[in-house]
């Protein structure tokens, strides 16, 4: 086989959240090591004419970082499809051989896809290598995208957990932790750091709520 037939191509998948910068850095480093083209993909599930200022700030920062690293930045609309479908379609289109994603318990991509995102990718990617980066390593990055953490609890209410700052005793099920509110937002959006199964986990809080995903 020729060298061209073995050419590597790296793609990083980022979703709205603070870990994107580190994932892009990891992808850029791998691409340089392999002397491979580099793509950053985010799958946009928003509706037409829907605007989120916080999300747009992340996208602009990621695009600049990607361009500065010599990569191509892509935003692909899901249009009702699963994120895995869009990722696999883009990977085949670009001839990708290495994919990098971030994972922190049942957060970020899994909360976006409402399913076992990683398992589905592994089953469908074929010969494409999948690199899973544990995003809970990146707490130091929170200071660039989030306010200083404050003690809080998540109180169970039906199928959801609601953010509570009061610290008062509650009779229902709850979790203790630290809430990091995203910068430049008027809503309680951010990350809630807690312990799940003895391991530190970051839960994505949207409008003061976290929804537990079940198999």
N, C-alpha and C. Protein backbone atom coordinates (compact mmCIF):
# COMPACT_ATOMS: atom_id res chain seq x y z
N UNK A 1 0.83 -1.20 0.00
CA UNK A 1 0.00 0.00 0.00
C UNK A 1 0.86 1.25 0.00
N UNK A 2 0.35 2.33 -0.53
CA UNK A 2 1.11 3.57 -0.58
C UNK A 2 0.98 4.32 0.73
N UNK A 3 1.85 5.32 0.92
CA UNK A 3 1.80 6.15 2.12
C UNK A 3 0.48 6.87 2.24
N UNK A 4 -0.08 7.32 1.12
CA UNK A 4 -1.34 8.07 1.12
C UNK A 4 -2.47 7.24 1.69
N UNK A 5 -2.42 5.91 1.45
CA UNK A 5 -3.47 5.03 1.94
C UNK A 5 -3.46 4.90 3.46
N UNK A 6 -2.31 5.24 4.07
CA UNK A 6 -2.18 5.15 5.51
C UNK A 6 -2.29 6.51 6.19
N UNK A 7 -2.63 7.54 5.47
CA UNK A 7 -2.61 8.89 6.03
C UNK A 7 -3.62 9.01 7.17
N UNK A 8 -3.15 9.61 8.26
CA UNK A 8 -4.00 9.83 9.43
C UNK A 8 -4.75 11.16 9.30
N UNK A 9 -5.87 11.24 9.97
CA UNK A 9 -6.66 12.48 10.03
C UNK A 9 -7.36 12.52 11.38
N UNK A 10 -7.25 13.65 12.08
CA UNK A 10 -7.74 13.76 13.45
C UNK A 10 -8.97 14.66 13.51
N UNK A 11 -9.98 14.24 14.27
CA UNK A 11 -11.16 15.08 14.49
C UNK A 11 -11.50 15.11 15.98
N UNK A 12 -11.70 16.32 16.50
CA UNK A 12 -12.11 16.52 17.89
C UNK A 12 -13.58 16.91 17.90
N UNK A 13 -14.37 16.27 18.76
CA UNK A 13 -15.79 16.60 18.90
C UNK A 13 -15.98 17.38 20.19
N UNK A 14 -16.48 18.60 20.08
CA UNK A 14 -16.69 19.43 21.26
C UNK A 14 -18.16 19.79 21.36
N UNK A 15 -18.63 19.86 22.60
CA UNK A 15 -20.00 20.27 22.86
C UNK A 15 -19.95 21.39 23.88
N UNK A 16 -20.96 22.25 23.83
CA UNK A 16 -21.07 23.42 24.69
C UNK A 16 -20.66 23.11 26.12
N UNK A 17 -19.54 23.66 26.58
CA UNK A 17 -19.04 23.43 27.93
C UNK A 17 -17.58 23.82 28.04
N UNK A 18 -17.03 23.80 29.24
CA UNK A 18 -15.70 24.36 29.47
C UNK A 18 -14.54 23.48 29.04
N UNK A 19 -14.80 22.21 28.70
CA UNK A 19 -13.71 21.29 28.41
C UNK A 19 -13.25 21.35 26.95
N UNK A 20 -13.93 22.11 26.11
CA UNK A 20 -13.60 22.15 24.69
C UNK A 20 -12.18 22.58 24.40
N UNK A 21 -11.69 23.57 25.16
CA UNK A 21 -10.35 24.09 24.90
C UNK A 21 -9.29 23.01 25.07
N UNK A 22 -9.39 22.24 26.15
CA UNK A 22 -8.40 21.18 26.37
C UNK A 22 -8.51 20.07 25.33
N UNK A 23 -9.72 19.76 24.91
CA UNK A 23 -9.88 18.73 23.88
C UNK A 23 -9.25 19.17 22.57
N UNK A 24 -9.44 20.45 22.23
CA UNK A 24 -8.84 20.98 21.00
C UNK A 24 -7.32 20.95 21.11
N UNK A 25 -6.79 21.30 22.29
CA UNK A 25 -5.35 21.23 22.49
C UNK A 25 -4.85 19.80 22.30
N UNK A 26 -5.57 18.84 22.86
CA UNK A 26 -5.17 17.44 22.73
C UNK A 26 -5.21 17.00 21.26
N UNK A 27 -6.24 17.40 20.54
CA UNK A 27 -6.34 17.04 19.13
C UNK A 27 -5.26 17.67 18.30
N UNK A 28 -4.96 18.93 18.59
CA UNK A 28 -3.90 19.63 17.85
C UNK A 28 -2.54 18.95 18.07
N UNK A 29 -2.28 18.56 19.31
CA UNK A 29 -1.02 17.89 19.62
C UNK A 29 -0.90 16.56 18.90
N UNK A 30 -2.01 15.80 18.89
CA UNK A 30 -2.00 14.51 18.20
C UNK A 30 -1.81 14.69 16.70
N UNK A 31 -2.48 15.71 16.13
CA UNK A 31 -2.35 15.96 14.70
C UNK A 31 -0.92 16.33 14.31
N UNK A 32 -0.28 17.13 15.14
CA UNK A 32 1.12 17.50 14.86
C UNK A 32 2.02 16.28 14.94
N UNK A 33 1.77 15.43 15.95
CA UNK A 33 2.58 14.23 16.11
C UNK A 33 2.45 13.31 14.90
N UNK A 34 1.24 13.21 14.37
CA UNK A 34 0.97 12.33 13.23
C UNK A 34 1.17 13.01 11.88
N UNK A 35 1.43 14.33 11.94
CA UNK A 35 1.52 15.15 10.71
C UNK A 35 0.23 14.97 9.90
N UNK A 36 -0.87 15.14 10.60
CA UNK A 36 -2.18 14.86 10.02
C UNK A 36 -3.05 16.10 9.97
N UNK A 37 -3.99 16.17 9.03
CA UNK A 37 -4.98 17.25 9.04
C UNK A 37 -5.83 17.16 10.30
N UNK A 38 -6.39 18.30 10.69
CA UNK A 38 -7.03 18.43 11.99
C UNK A 38 -8.38 19.14 11.84
N UNK A 39 -9.44 18.52 12.36
CA UNK A 39 -10.79 19.08 12.27
C UNK A 39 -11.41 19.13 13.65
N UNK A 40 -12.13 20.22 13.93
CA UNK A 40 -12.92 20.32 15.16
C UNK A 40 -14.39 20.39 14.76
N UNK A 41 -15.19 19.50 15.34
CA UNK A 41 -16.62 19.43 15.00
C UNK A 41 -17.47 19.66 16.23
N UNK A 42 -18.50 20.50 16.08
CA UNK A 42 -19.54 20.57 17.10
C UNK A 42 -20.88 20.34 16.41
N UNK A 43 -21.72 19.55 17.05
CA UNK A 43 -23.04 19.23 16.50
C UNK A 43 -24.05 20.16 17.16
N UNK A 44 -24.75 20.92 16.36
CA UNK A 44 -25.69 21.93 16.86
C UNK A 44 -27.11 21.39 16.81
N UNK A 45 -27.72 21.24 17.98
CA UNK A 45 -29.08 20.72 18.06
C UNK A 45 -30.13 21.81 18.18
N UNK A 46 -29.70 23.08 18.15
CA UNK A 46 -30.65 24.17 18.34
C UNK A 46 -31.58 24.31 17.14
N UNK A 47 -32.73 24.92 17.40
CA UNK A 47 -33.70 25.13 16.35
C UNK A 47 -33.30 26.34 15.50
N UNK A 48 -33.90 26.47 14.33
CA UNK A 48 -33.63 27.61 13.47
C UNK A 48 -33.99 28.90 14.21
N UNK A 49 -33.14 29.91 14.06
CA UNK A 49 -33.33 31.23 14.67
C UNK A 49 -33.22 31.21 16.19
N UNK A 50 -32.80 30.09 16.78
CA UNK A 50 -32.56 30.04 18.22
C UNK A 50 -31.16 30.55 18.51
N UNK A 51 -31.04 31.50 19.46
CA UNK A 51 -29.73 32.11 19.73
C UNK A 51 -29.39 31.97 21.21
N UNK A 52 -28.17 31.53 21.50
CA UNK A 52 -27.67 31.40 22.87
C UNK A 52 -26.33 32.13 22.93
N UNK A 53 -26.33 33.27 23.61
CA UNK A 53 -25.13 34.11 23.63
C UNK A 53 -23.94 33.38 24.25
N UNK A 54 -24.17 32.66 25.36
CA UNK A 54 -23.09 31.93 26.02
C UNK A 54 -22.47 30.90 25.07
N UNK A 55 -23.33 30.16 24.39
CA UNK A 55 -22.84 29.14 23.46
C UNK A 55 -22.04 29.77 22.33
N UNK A 56 -22.52 30.90 21.81
CA UNK A 56 -21.83 31.57 20.71
C UNK A 56 -20.43 32.00 21.13
N UNK A 57 -20.27 32.41 22.39
CA UNK A 57 -18.95 32.81 22.87
C UNK A 57 -18.00 31.63 22.88
N UNK A 58 -18.49 30.48 23.32
CA UNK A 58 -17.67 29.28 23.26
C UNK A 58 -17.26 28.96 21.82
N UNK A 59 -18.23 29.01 20.91
CA UNK A 59 -17.96 28.65 19.52
C UNK A 59 -16.92 29.57 18.89
N UNK A 60 -17.02 30.88 19.16
CA UNK A 60 -16.06 31.82 18.61
C UNK A 60 -14.65 31.54 19.14
N UNK A 61 -14.56 31.26 20.45
CA UNK A 61 -13.25 30.97 21.04
C UNK A 61 -12.66 29.68 20.48
N UNK A 62 -13.52 28.66 20.33
CA UNK A 62 -13.04 27.39 19.78
C UNK A 62 -12.59 27.54 18.32
N UNK A 63 -13.36 28.31 17.55
CA UNK A 63 -13.01 28.48 16.14
C UNK A 63 -11.66 29.17 16.00
N UNK A 64 -11.43 30.21 16.80
CA UNK A 64 -10.15 30.92 16.74
C UNK A 64 -9.00 30.00 17.13
N UNK A 65 -9.20 29.24 18.19
CA UNK A 65 -8.17 28.32 18.65
C UNK A 65 -7.87 27.27 17.59
N UNK A 66 -8.92 26.77 16.95
CA UNK A 66 -8.76 25.76 15.91
C UNK A 66 -8.00 26.34 14.72
N UNK A 67 -8.41 27.53 14.25
CA UNK A 67 -7.74 28.16 13.11
C UNK A 67 -6.27 28.44 13.43
N UNK A 68 -6.01 28.92 14.65
CA UNK A 68 -4.63 29.23 15.05
C UNK A 68 -3.77 27.97 15.06
N UNK A 69 -4.40 26.82 15.25
CA UNK A 69 -3.67 25.55 15.26
C UNK A 69 -3.59 24.92 13.87
N UNK A 70 -4.13 25.63 12.88
CA UNK A 70 -4.08 25.12 11.51
C UNK A 70 -5.17 24.14 11.18
N UNK A 71 -6.24 24.11 11.99
CA UNK A 71 -7.32 23.17 11.77
C UNK A 71 -8.53 23.78 11.09
N UNK A 72 -9.50 22.93 10.79
CA UNK A 72 -10.77 23.34 10.19
C UNK A 72 -11.87 23.21 11.23
N UNK A 73 -12.66 24.26 11.41
CA UNK A 73 -13.73 24.25 12.40
C UNK A 73 -15.07 24.08 11.72
N UNK A 74 -15.85 23.08 12.17
CA UNK A 74 -17.12 22.77 11.54
C UNK A 74 -18.26 22.80 12.56
N UNK A 75 -19.36 23.41 12.20
CA UNK A 75 -20.59 23.33 12.98
C UNK A 75 -21.63 22.68 12.08
N UNK A 76 -22.13 21.52 12.49
CA UNK A 76 -23.10 20.79 11.68
C UNK A 76 -24.43 20.70 12.43
N UNK A 77 -25.50 21.09 11.80
CA UNK A 77 -26.83 21.00 12.38
C UNK A 77 -27.25 19.54 12.47
N UNK A 78 -27.84 19.16 13.61
CA UNK A 78 -28.29 17.78 13.75
C UNK A 78 -29.58 17.53 12.97
N UNK A 79 -30.43 18.55 12.89
CA UNK A 79 -31.71 18.44 12.15
C UNK A 79 -32.48 17.17 12.55
N UNK A 80 -32.57 16.96 13.85
CA UNK A 80 -33.34 15.83 14.36
C UNK A 80 -32.58 14.52 14.45
N UNK A 81 -31.38 14.48 13.90
CA UNK A 81 -30.61 13.24 13.95
C UNK A 81 -29.82 13.14 15.25
N UNK A 82 -29.37 11.92 15.59
CA UNK A 82 -28.53 11.74 16.76
C UNK A 82 -27.14 12.31 16.47
N UNK A 83 -26.48 12.77 17.54
CA UNK A 83 -25.13 13.32 17.39
C UNK A 83 -24.18 12.30 16.78
N UNK A 84 -24.33 11.02 17.18
CA UNK A 84 -23.44 9.98 16.65
C UNK A 84 -23.56 9.88 15.14
N UNK A 85 -24.76 10.04 14.60
CA UNK A 85 -24.95 9.97 13.15
C UNK A 85 -24.17 11.08 12.45
N UNK A 86 -24.24 12.29 13.01
CA UNK A 86 -23.57 13.43 12.39
C UNK A 86 -22.06 13.27 12.49
N UNK A 87 -21.58 12.79 13.62
CA UNK A 87 -20.14 12.59 13.81
C UNK A 87 -19.60 11.56 12.83
N UNK A 88 -20.27 10.45 12.72
CA UNK A 88 -19.81 9.39 11.83
C UNK A 88 -19.86 9.84 10.37
N UNK A 89 -20.92 10.54 9.99
CA UNK A 89 -21.04 11.06 8.63
C UNK A 89 -19.89 12.02 8.31
N UNK A 90 -19.58 12.92 9.25
CA UNK A 90 -18.50 13.88 9.04
C UNK A 90 -17.15 13.20 9.00
N UNK A 91 -16.96 12.22 9.88
CA UNK A 91 -15.69 11.50 9.92
C UNK A 91 -15.42 10.78 8.60
N UNK A 92 -16.42 10.18 8.03
CA UNK A 92 -16.24 9.48 6.75
C UNK A 92 -16.01 10.48 5.62
N UNK A 93 -16.72 11.59 5.68
CA UNK A 93 -16.55 12.63 4.66
C UNK A 93 -15.12 13.17 4.66
N UNK A 94 -14.54 13.32 5.86
CA UNK A 94 -13.20 13.90 5.99
C UNK A 94 -12.09 12.86 6.01
N UNK A 95 -12.46 11.59 5.92
CA UNK A 95 -11.44 10.54 5.95
C UNK A 95 -10.73 10.46 7.29
N UNK A 96 -11.46 10.69 8.37
CA UNK A 96 -10.89 10.73 9.72
C UNK A 96 -10.49 9.33 10.18
N UNK A 97 -9.34 9.24 10.85
CA UNK A 97 -8.88 7.97 11.40
C UNK A 97 -8.79 7.99 12.92
N UNK A 98 -8.81 9.20 13.52
CA UNK A 98 -8.70 9.35 14.96
C UNK A 98 -9.75 10.37 15.43
N UNK A 99 -10.58 9.98 16.40
CA UNK A 99 -11.58 10.89 16.95
C UNK A 99 -11.33 11.06 18.45
N UNK A 100 -11.42 12.31 18.91
CA UNK A 100 -11.24 12.62 20.33
C UNK A 100 -12.53 13.21 20.87
N UNK A 101 -13.02 12.65 21.98
CA UNK A 101 -14.19 13.20 22.66
C UNK A 101 -13.87 13.31 24.15
N UNK A 102 -14.68 14.10 24.87
CA UNK A 102 -14.55 14.20 26.31
C UNK A 102 -15.70 13.49 26.98
N UNK A 103 -15.46 12.96 28.17
CA UNK A 103 -16.52 12.28 28.90
C UNK A 103 -16.35 12.52 30.39
N UNK A 104 -17.47 12.83 31.07
CA UNK A 104 -17.47 12.98 32.52
C UNK A 104 -18.77 12.41 33.05
N UNK A 105 -18.77 11.13 33.39
CA UNK A 105 -19.99 10.49 33.86
C UNK A 105 -21.07 10.60 32.80
N UNK A 106 -22.31 10.86 33.22
CA UNK A 106 -23.41 11.03 32.27
C UNK A 106 -23.67 12.51 32.07
N UNK A 107 -22.68 13.18 31.49
CA UNK A 107 -22.80 14.62 31.27
C UNK A 107 -22.41 14.94 29.85
N UNK A 108 -22.51 16.21 29.49
CA UNK A 108 -22.11 16.73 28.20
C UNK A 108 -22.71 15.94 27.04
N UNK A 109 -21.88 15.14 26.33
CA UNK A 109 -22.38 14.47 25.14
C UNK A 109 -23.54 13.53 25.47
N UNK A 110 -23.46 12.80 26.60
CA UNK A 110 -24.53 11.87 26.92
C UNK A 110 -25.82 12.60 27.26
N UNK A 111 -25.71 13.74 27.95
CA UNK A 111 -26.92 14.50 28.24
C UNK A 111 -27.50 15.08 26.97
N UNK A 112 -26.63 15.34 25.99
CA UNK A 112 -27.07 15.89 24.70
C UNK A 112 -27.79 14.82 23.88
N UNK A 113 -27.29 13.60 23.93
CA UNK A 113 -27.81 12.55 23.06
C UNK A 113 -28.86 11.68 23.74
N UNK A 114 -29.01 11.80 25.06
CA UNK A 114 -29.99 11.01 25.81
C UNK A 114 -29.76 9.51 25.61
N UNK A 115 -28.51 9.08 25.60
CA UNK A 115 -28.25 7.67 25.44
C UNK A 115 -26.79 7.37 25.70
N UNK A 116 -26.39 6.11 25.49
CA UNK A 116 -25.01 5.73 25.72
C UNK A 116 -24.19 6.06 24.49
N UNK A 117 -23.79 7.30 24.41
CA UNK A 117 -23.12 7.87 23.26
C UNK A 117 -21.82 7.15 22.92
N UNK A 118 -21.00 6.90 23.94
CA UNK A 118 -19.69 6.29 23.70
C UNK A 118 -19.83 4.88 23.14
N UNK A 119 -20.69 4.07 23.75
CA UNK A 119 -20.87 2.70 23.26
C UNK A 119 -21.34 2.67 21.81
N UNK A 120 -22.24 3.57 21.47
CA UNK A 120 -22.75 3.61 20.10
C UNK A 120 -21.64 3.97 19.12
N UNK A 121 -20.80 4.94 19.48
CA UNK A 121 -19.70 5.31 18.60
C UNK A 121 -18.74 4.13 18.40
N UNK A 122 -18.39 3.47 19.49
CA UNK A 122 -17.44 2.35 19.41
C UNK A 122 -17.97 1.28 18.47
N UNK A 123 -19.27 0.99 18.57
CA UNK A 123 -19.87 -0.05 17.74
C UNK A 123 -19.91 0.31 16.26
N UNK A 124 -19.99 1.62 15.96
CA UNK A 124 -20.23 2.03 14.57
C UNK A 124 -19.02 2.62 13.85
N UNK A 125 -17.95 2.92 14.57
CA UNK A 125 -16.81 3.61 13.95
C UNK A 125 -15.94 2.69 13.10
N UNK A 126 -16.01 1.41 13.31
CA UNK A 126 -15.18 0.52 12.50
C UNK A 126 -13.71 0.68 12.82
N UNK A 127 -12.91 1.00 11.80
CA UNK A 127 -11.46 1.09 11.96
C UNK A 127 -11.01 2.46 12.49
N UNK A 128 -11.92 3.37 12.76
CA UNK A 128 -11.55 4.68 13.30
C UNK A 128 -11.25 4.55 14.80
N UNK A 129 -10.10 5.06 15.24
CA UNK A 129 -9.73 5.00 16.65
C UNK A 129 -10.48 6.09 17.43
N UNK A 130 -10.98 5.73 18.61
CA UNK A 130 -11.70 6.67 19.46
C UNK A 130 -10.91 6.92 20.74
N UNK A 131 -10.58 8.18 21.00
CA UNK A 131 -9.85 8.58 22.21
C UNK A 131 -10.83 9.28 23.14
N UNK A 132 -10.99 8.78 24.36
CA UNK A 132 -11.91 9.36 25.33
C UNK A 132 -11.09 10.06 26.42
N UNK A 133 -11.27 11.36 26.53
CA UNK A 133 -10.52 12.15 27.51
C UNK A 133 -11.41 12.43 28.71
N UNK A 134 -10.95 12.09 29.90
CA UNK A 134 -11.73 12.33 31.12
C UNK A 134 -11.69 13.81 31.45
N UNK A 135 -12.77 14.52 31.20
CA UNK A 135 -12.76 15.98 31.34
C UNK A 135 -12.68 16.43 32.78
N UNK A 136 -12.94 15.53 33.78
CA UNK A 136 -12.82 15.99 35.15
C UNK A 136 -11.38 16.30 35.54
N UNK A 137 -10.43 15.98 34.68
CA UNK A 137 -9.04 16.37 34.93
C UNK A 137 -8.85 17.88 34.80
N UNK A 138 -9.80 18.56 34.23
CA UNK A 138 -9.56 19.92 33.77
C UNK A 138 -10.19 21.00 34.65
N UNK A 139 -10.24 20.76 35.94
CA UNK A 139 -10.86 21.74 36.82
C UNK A 139 -10.14 23.08 36.76
N UNK A 140 -8.84 23.07 36.49
CA UNK A 140 -8.09 24.33 36.41
C UNK A 140 -8.62 25.24 35.31
N UNK A 141 -9.28 24.67 34.30
CA UNK A 141 -9.80 25.48 33.20
C UNK A 141 -11.07 26.22 33.58
N UNK A 142 -11.71 25.82 34.68
CA UNK A 142 -12.98 26.44 35.05
C UNK A 142 -12.83 27.93 35.33
N UNK A 143 -11.68 28.35 35.84
CA UNK A 143 -11.51 29.76 36.17
C UNK A 143 -11.57 30.66 34.95
N UNK A 144 -11.37 30.10 33.76
CA UNK A 144 -11.42 30.89 32.53
C UNK A 144 -12.83 31.00 31.97
N UNK A 145 -13.72 30.11 32.39
CA UNK A 145 -15.06 30.07 31.79
C UNK A 145 -16.18 30.15 32.81
N UNK A 146 -15.84 30.01 34.12
CA UNK A 146 -16.86 29.96 35.16
C UNK A 146 -16.48 30.84 36.35
N UNK A 147 -17.49 31.24 37.12
CA UNK A 147 -17.26 31.97 38.35
C UNK A 147 -16.67 31.04 39.41
N UNK A 148 -16.21 31.64 40.50
CA UNK A 148 -15.66 30.84 41.60
C UNK A 148 -16.74 29.92 42.16
N UNK A 149 -16.37 28.70 42.49
CA UNK A 149 -17.34 27.73 42.96
C UNK A 149 -17.93 28.07 44.32
N UNK A 150 -19.21 27.75 44.51
CA UNK A 150 -19.89 27.96 45.79
C UNK A 150 -20.54 26.65 46.22
N UNK A 151 -20.61 26.44 47.53
CA UNK A 151 -21.23 25.23 48.05
C UNK A 151 -22.73 25.25 47.76
N UNK A 152 -23.27 24.12 47.34
CA UNK A 152 -24.69 24.04 47.00
C UNK A 152 -25.14 22.58 47.10
N UNK A 153 -26.44 22.37 46.94
CA UNK A 153 -26.96 21.01 46.89
C UNK A 153 -27.89 20.89 45.69
N UNK A 154 -28.04 19.67 45.20
CA UNK A 154 -29.03 19.35 44.18
C UNK A 154 -30.13 18.55 44.87
N UNK A 155 -31.35 19.08 44.86
CA UNK A 155 -32.47 18.47 45.55
C UNK A 155 -33.37 17.77 44.54
N UNK A 156 -33.66 16.50 44.77
CA UNK A 156 -34.48 15.73 43.84
C UNK A 156 -35.92 16.22 43.84
N UNK A 157 -36.46 16.44 42.65
CA UNK A 157 -37.84 16.86 42.47
C UNK A 157 -38.38 16.13 41.24
N UNK A 158 -39.05 15.01 41.47
CA UNK A 158 -39.51 14.20 40.34
C UNK A 158 -38.35 13.57 39.61
N UNK A 159 -38.28 13.80 38.30
CA UNK A 159 -37.20 13.24 37.48
C UNK A 159 -35.99 14.15 37.43
N UNK A 160 -36.05 15.30 38.08
CA UNK A 160 -34.96 16.26 38.02
C UNK A 160 -34.39 16.55 39.40
N UNK A 161 -33.20 17.15 39.39
CA UNK A 161 -32.59 17.67 40.61
C UNK A 161 -32.48 19.18 40.44
N UNK A 162 -32.93 19.92 41.47
CA UNK A 162 -32.93 21.38 41.40
C UNK A 162 -31.80 21.94 42.27
N UNK A 163 -31.13 22.96 41.74
CA UNK A 163 -30.02 23.60 42.44
C UNK A 163 -30.55 24.43 43.60
N UNK A 164 -29.89 24.28 44.76
CA UNK A 164 -30.32 24.98 45.96
C UNK A 164 -29.09 25.50 46.69
N UNK A 165 -29.08 26.81 46.98
CA UNK A 165 -27.94 27.43 47.66
C UNK A 165 -28.15 27.54 49.17
N UNK A 166 -29.38 27.32 49.65
CA UNK A 166 -29.72 27.67 51.03
C UNK A 166 -28.91 26.89 52.06
N UNK A 167 -28.59 25.65 51.74
CA UNK A 167 -27.86 24.84 52.69
C UNK A 167 -28.73 24.29 53.80
N UNK A 168 -30.02 24.59 53.76
CA UNK A 168 -30.93 24.10 54.78
C UNK A 168 -31.19 22.59 54.60
N UNK A 169 -31.48 21.94 55.70
CA UNK A 169 -31.76 20.50 55.64
C UNK A 169 -33.03 20.25 54.83
N UNK A 170 -33.01 19.21 54.01
CA UNK A 170 -34.17 18.86 53.20
C UNK A 170 -34.52 17.41 53.48
N UNK A 171 -35.79 17.08 53.30
CA UNK A 171 -36.25 15.72 53.60
C UNK A 171 -36.15 14.79 52.41
N UNK A 172 -36.10 15.34 51.21
CA UNK A 172 -36.03 14.52 50.02
C UNK A 172 -34.58 14.19 49.67
N UNK A 173 -34.38 13.36 48.66
CA UNK A 173 -33.04 12.96 48.21
C UNK A 173 -32.28 14.17 47.68
N UNK A 174 -30.98 14.26 48.00
CA UNK A 174 -30.19 15.39 47.53
C UNK A 174 -28.73 14.99 47.41
N UNK A 175 -27.93 15.82 46.71
CA UNK A 175 -26.49 15.64 46.57
C UNK A 175 -25.80 16.93 46.97
N UNK A 176 -24.72 16.82 47.72
CA UNK A 176 -23.91 17.98 48.06
C UNK A 176 -22.79 18.16 47.04
N UNK A 177 -22.38 19.41 46.84
CA UNK A 177 -21.28 19.64 45.92
C UNK A 177 -20.94 21.10 45.81
N UNK A 178 -20.24 21.44 44.73
CA UNK A 178 -19.82 22.81 44.46
C UNK A 178 -20.34 23.22 43.09
N UNK A 179 -21.00 24.37 43.03
CA UNK A 179 -21.56 24.85 41.76
C UNK A 179 -20.66 25.93 41.17
N UNK A 180 -20.27 25.74 39.90
CA UNK A 180 -19.48 26.71 39.16
C UNK A 180 -20.39 27.32 38.08
N UNK A 181 -20.77 28.56 38.28
CA UNK A 181 -21.67 29.22 37.33
C UNK A 181 -20.89 29.75 36.14
N UNK A 182 -21.44 29.56 34.94
CA UNK A 182 -20.78 30.05 33.74
C UNK A 182 -20.71 31.57 33.76
N UNK A 183 -19.62 32.09 33.25
CA UNK A 183 -19.48 33.53 33.12
C UNK A 183 -20.45 34.08 32.08
N UNK A 184 -20.84 35.33 32.23
CA UNK A 184 -21.65 36.06 31.25
C UNK A 184 -23.02 35.41 31.03
N UNK A 185 -23.63 34.91 32.08
CA UNK A 185 -24.99 34.39 31.96
C UNK A 185 -25.83 34.88 33.13
N UNK A 186 -27.10 35.15 32.87
CA UNK A 186 -28.03 35.57 33.91
C UNK A 186 -28.77 34.38 34.52
N UNK A 187 -28.50 33.19 34.01
CA UNK A 187 -29.20 31.99 34.46
C UNK A 187 -28.26 31.11 35.28
N UNK A 188 -28.84 30.17 36.02
CA UNK A 188 -28.04 29.21 36.77
C UNK A 188 -27.60 28.07 35.84
N UNK A 189 -26.72 28.43 34.92
CA UNK A 189 -26.11 27.44 34.03
C UNK A 189 -24.67 27.24 34.46
N UNK A 190 -24.23 26.00 34.47
CA UNK A 190 -22.84 25.76 34.84
C UNK A 190 -22.57 24.31 35.14
N UNK A 191 -21.61 24.07 36.02
CA UNK A 191 -21.20 22.72 36.38
C UNK A 191 -21.32 22.52 37.89
N UNK A 192 -21.82 21.36 38.27
CA UNK A 192 -21.95 20.99 39.67
C UNK A 192 -21.00 19.85 39.95
N UNK A 193 -19.98 20.10 40.78
CA UNK A 193 -19.00 19.07 41.10
C UNK A 193 -19.46 18.30 42.32
N UNK A 194 -19.54 16.99 42.19
CA UNK A 194 -19.98 16.14 43.29
C UNK A 194 -19.23 14.82 43.23
N UNK A 195 -19.60 13.89 44.10
CA UNK A 195 -19.00 12.56 44.10
C UNK A 195 -20.08 11.54 43.73
N UNK A 196 -19.82 10.76 42.69
CA UNK A 196 -20.72 9.70 42.29
C UNK A 196 -19.93 8.40 42.24
N UNK A 197 -20.41 7.41 42.99
CA UNK A 197 -19.72 6.11 43.06
C UNK A 197 -18.27 6.26 43.48
N UNK A 198 -18.03 7.24 44.37
CA UNK A 198 -16.70 7.44 44.90
C UNK A 198 -15.75 8.20 43.99
N UNK A 199 -16.23 8.67 42.85
CA UNK A 199 -15.39 9.39 41.89
C UNK A 199 -15.92 10.80 41.69
N UNK A 200 -15.02 11.80 41.51
CA UNK A 200 -15.48 13.17 41.24
C UNK A 200 -16.15 13.24 39.87
N UNK A 201 -17.31 13.90 39.82
CA UNK A 201 -18.04 14.03 38.57
C UNK A 201 -18.53 15.46 38.43
N UNK A 202 -18.64 15.92 37.17
CA UNK A 202 -19.17 17.25 36.89
C UNK A 202 -20.50 17.09 36.16
N UNK A 203 -21.55 17.60 36.76
CA UNK A 203 -22.89 17.48 36.19
C UNK A 203 -23.26 18.80 35.53
N UNK A 204 -23.81 18.73 34.33
CA UNK A 204 -24.19 19.92 33.57
C UNK A 204 -25.51 20.46 34.10
N UNK A 205 -25.48 21.69 34.61
CA UNK A 205 -26.67 22.35 35.14
C UNK A 205 -27.22 23.32 34.11
N UNK A 206 -28.48 23.19 33.76
CA UNK A 206 -29.13 24.07 32.79
C UNK A 206 -30.35 24.68 33.46
N UNK A 207 -30.35 26.02 33.56
CA UNK A 207 -31.45 26.73 34.21
C UNK A 207 -31.75 26.17 35.59
N UNK A 208 -30.68 25.90 36.35
CA UNK A 208 -30.82 25.48 37.73
C UNK A 208 -31.24 24.04 37.93
N UNK A 209 -31.16 23.20 36.88
CA UNK A 209 -31.63 21.83 37.00
C UNK A 209 -30.65 20.84 36.36
N UNK A 210 -30.62 19.64 36.92
CA UNK A 210 -29.89 18.52 36.31
C UNK A 210 -30.85 17.34 36.21
N UNK A 211 -30.89 16.71 35.05
CA UNK A 211 -31.76 15.55 34.85
C UNK A 211 -30.91 14.29 34.84
N UNK A 212 -31.22 13.38 35.74
CA UNK A 212 -30.50 12.12 35.82
C UNK A 212 -30.88 11.24 34.65
N UNK A 213 -29.86 10.71 33.95
CA UNK A 213 -30.11 9.82 32.82
C UNK A 213 -30.01 8.38 33.29
N UNK A 214 -30.96 7.57 32.87
CA UNK A 214 -30.96 6.17 33.26
C UNK A 214 -30.80 5.28 32.03
N UNK A 215 -30.16 4.09 32.19
CA UNK A 215 -30.00 3.19 31.05
C UNK A 215 -31.34 2.77 30.50
